[in-house]
C-alpha cells in the first residue's frame, strides 16, 4: 500500500483577511496547506518552529521590516531561498525594489494575483506545468 504524499505547506504572511482567504483558496486548489500569520515577528517565529515549502510574503503588512524578515527567513531555513514570493501592492520605492532584486525574490503585484498566482505557485513549489501551459 503506497502512502499518500504530505501536502506542501505554505506560510502566508498577510494582514488583510480578504487577501488571506484568496490565497487559502488558491493553495487548496493546488493541494497545498496554507498557514497564515499577520506580521513579520510571527512569521519568523513560525519558520523557526515549523517546516514550510514556500512563503507568500506581503511586504506591506503590519510590523514587517522586509530588510530584516527576508534575511532571517533565509538564515533560519536555507531551503526557503528562492521559495519566497512577494505578494504586494504596487512597489515603487527604491529600497523595496532593491531588496527584491538583491534577494532574488519573485514579485507578484496584487492586481495580477488572479491571473498569475497559480503559475507562480506552481513554479515556486516545482509542480509540473498545467495542461494549458503544455498545449
Protein backbone atom coordinates (compact mmCIF):
# COMPACT_ATOMS: atom_id res chain seq x y z
CA UNK A 1 0.00 0.00 0.00
CA UNK A 2 1.52 3.32 -1.05
CA UNK A 3 1.42 6.28 1.29
CA UNK A 4 -0.15 9.47 0.10
CA UNK A 5 2.48 12.25 -0.02
CA UNK A 6 2.16 15.03 2.54
CA UNK A 7 0.62 18.19 1.09
CA UNK A 8 3.05 21.04 0.58
CA UNK A 9 2.89 23.68 3.30
CA UNK A 10 2.97 27.37 2.51
CA UNK A 11 3.27 30.16 5.06
CA UNK A 12 1.15 33.20 4.22
CA UNK A 13 2.39 36.45 5.77
CA UNK A 14 -0.58 38.76 5.20
CA UNK A 15 -2.60 41.02 7.48
CA UNK A 16 -5.57 41.58 5.16
CA UNK A 17 -8.23 38.86 5.75
CA UNK A 18 -9.70 39.06 2.24
CA UNK A 19 -6.29 38.53 0.60
CA UNK A 20 -5.53 35.68 3.04
CA UNK A 21 -8.80 34.00 2.04
CA UNK A 22 -7.96 34.26 -1.67
CA UNK A 23 -4.54 32.76 -1.02
CA UNK A 24 -6.02 29.90 1.05
CA UNK A 25 -8.43 29.02 -1.77
CA UNK A 26 -5.74 29.14 -4.45
CA UNK A 27 -3.39 27.00 -2.36
CA UNK A 28 -6.14 24.46 -1.68
CA UNK A 29 -6.71 24.26 -5.43
CA UNK A 30 -3.11 23.12 -5.77
CA UNK A 31 -3.50 20.60 -2.95
CA UNK A 32 -1.37 22.70 -0.58
CA UNK A 33 -1.95 23.65 3.03
CA UNK A 34 -1.82 27.33 3.90
CA UNK A 35 -0.91 28.63 7.34
CA UNK A 36 -1.19 32.39 7.92
CA UNK A 37 0.35 34.93 10.25
CA UNK A 38 -0.40 38.68 10.22
CA UNK A 39 3.09 40.09 10.75
CA UNK A 40 6.85 39.64 10.43
CA UNK A 41 7.73 38.62 14.01
CA UNK A 42 5.13 35.84 13.98
CA UNK A 43 6.36 34.70 10.57
CA UNK A 44 9.93 34.38 11.83
CA UNK A 45 8.76 32.55 14.98
CA UNK A 46 6.66 30.14 12.90
CA UNK A 47 9.53 29.45 10.49
CA UNK A 48 11.83 28.84 13.43
CA UNK A 49 9.45 26.12 14.76
CA UNK A 50 7.95 24.59 11.62
CA UNK A 51 8.93 23.48 8.12
CA UNK A 52 7.38 25.15 5.07
CA UNK A 53 7.83 24.54 1.37
CA UNK A 54 7.31 28.20 0.43
CA UNK A 55 6.40 31.61 1.83
CA UNK A 56 3.94 34.14 0.40
CA UNK A 57 5.05 37.46 1.85
CA UNK A 58 3.24 40.80 1.86
CA UNK A 59 5.98 43.39 2.33
CA UNK A 60 3.38 45.96 3.34
CA UNK A 61 1.68 44.08 6.18
CA UNK A 62 1.79 45.14 9.83
CA UNK A 63 5.02 45.09 11.82
CA UNK A 64 7.18 43.91 8.99
CA UNK A 65 10.56 45.21 8.03
CA UNK A 66 11.32 43.27 4.89
CA UNK A 67 15.01 44.12 5.15
CA UNK A 68 15.02 42.22 8.49
CA UNK A 69 12.48 39.46 7.81
CA UNK A 70 13.78 38.18 4.46
CA UNK A 71 17.37 37.58 5.68
CA UNK A 72 16.03 35.92 8.87
CA UNK A 73 13.85 33.56 6.82
CA UNK A 74 16.78 32.63 4.62
CA UNK A 75 19.11 32.17 7.58
CA UNK A 76 16.67 30.04 9.58
CA UNK A 77 15.59 27.92 6.60
CA UNK A 78 18.09 27.88 3.73
CA UNK A 79 15.63 25.57 1.94
CA UNK A 80 13.38 28.62 1.51
CA UNK A 81 15.95 30.59 -0.51
CA UNK A 82 14.24 31.07 -3.87
CA UNK A 83 10.90 29.98 -2.41
CA UNK A 84 9.65 33.32 -1.12
CA UNK A 85 7.06 35.00 -3.31
CA UNK A 86 6.39 38.66 -2.57
CA UNK A 87 2.69 39.42 -2.99
CA UNK A 88 2.10 43.12 -2.51
CA UNK A 89 0.59 46.25 -3.95
CA UNK A 90 2.49 48.47 -6.32
CA UNK A 91 6.15 48.69 -5.36
CA UNK A 92 7.66 51.99 -6.37
CA UNK A 93 10.19 52.88 -3.70
CA UNK A 94 13.84 52.19 -4.49
CA UNK A 95 14.61 50.45 -1.17
CA UNK A 96 11.91 47.80 -1.66
CA UNK A 97 12.82 47.24 -5.29
CA UNK A 98 16.46 46.86 -4.26
CA UNK A 99 15.52 44.34 -1.54
CA UNK A 100 13.51 42.27 -4.04
CA UNK A 101 16.35 42.31 -6.56
CA UNK A 102 19.17 41.74 -4.04
CA UNK A 103 17.44 38.71 -2.54
CA UNK A 104 16.26 37.38 -5.94
CA UNK A 105 12.67 37.40 -4.71
CA UNK A 106 9.85 36.70 -7.09
CA UNK A 107 7.31 39.52 -7.03
CA UNK A 108 3.62 39.45 -7.86
CA UNK A 109 1.60 42.69 -7.74
CA UNK A 110 -1.87 42.31 -6.17
CA UNK A 111 -3.61 43.44 -9.34
CA UNK A 112 -2.14 40.37 -11.12
CA UNK A 113 -2.95 37.87 -8.36
CA UNK A 114 -5.90 36.23 -10.14
CA UNK A 115 -4.10 35.89 -13.45
CA UNK A 116 -0.63 34.89 -12.33
CA UNK A 117 -0.61 33.45 -8.80
CA UNK A 118 -1.24 29.82 -9.71
CA UNK A 119 1.57 29.87 -12.27
CA UNK A 120 3.94 31.47 -9.75
CA UNK A 121 2.99 28.93 -7.07
CA UNK A 122 3.47 26.00 -9.47
CA UNK A 123 6.97 27.26 -10.28
CA UNK A 124 7.80 28.08 -6.66
CA UNK A 125 6.74 24.63 -5.44
CA UNK A 126 8.19 22.92 -8.51
CA UNK A 127 4.90 21.40 -9.65
CA UNK A 128 4.75 20.16 -13.24
CA UNK A 129 3.26 22.63 -15.74
CA UNK A 130 -0.51 22.73 -16.06
CA UNK A 131 -2.26 21.30 -19.14
CA UNK A 132 -2.77 24.79 -20.59
CA UNK A 133 0.98 25.51 -20.31
CA UNK A 134 1.93 22.38 -22.26
CA UNK A 135 -0.59 22.81 -25.10
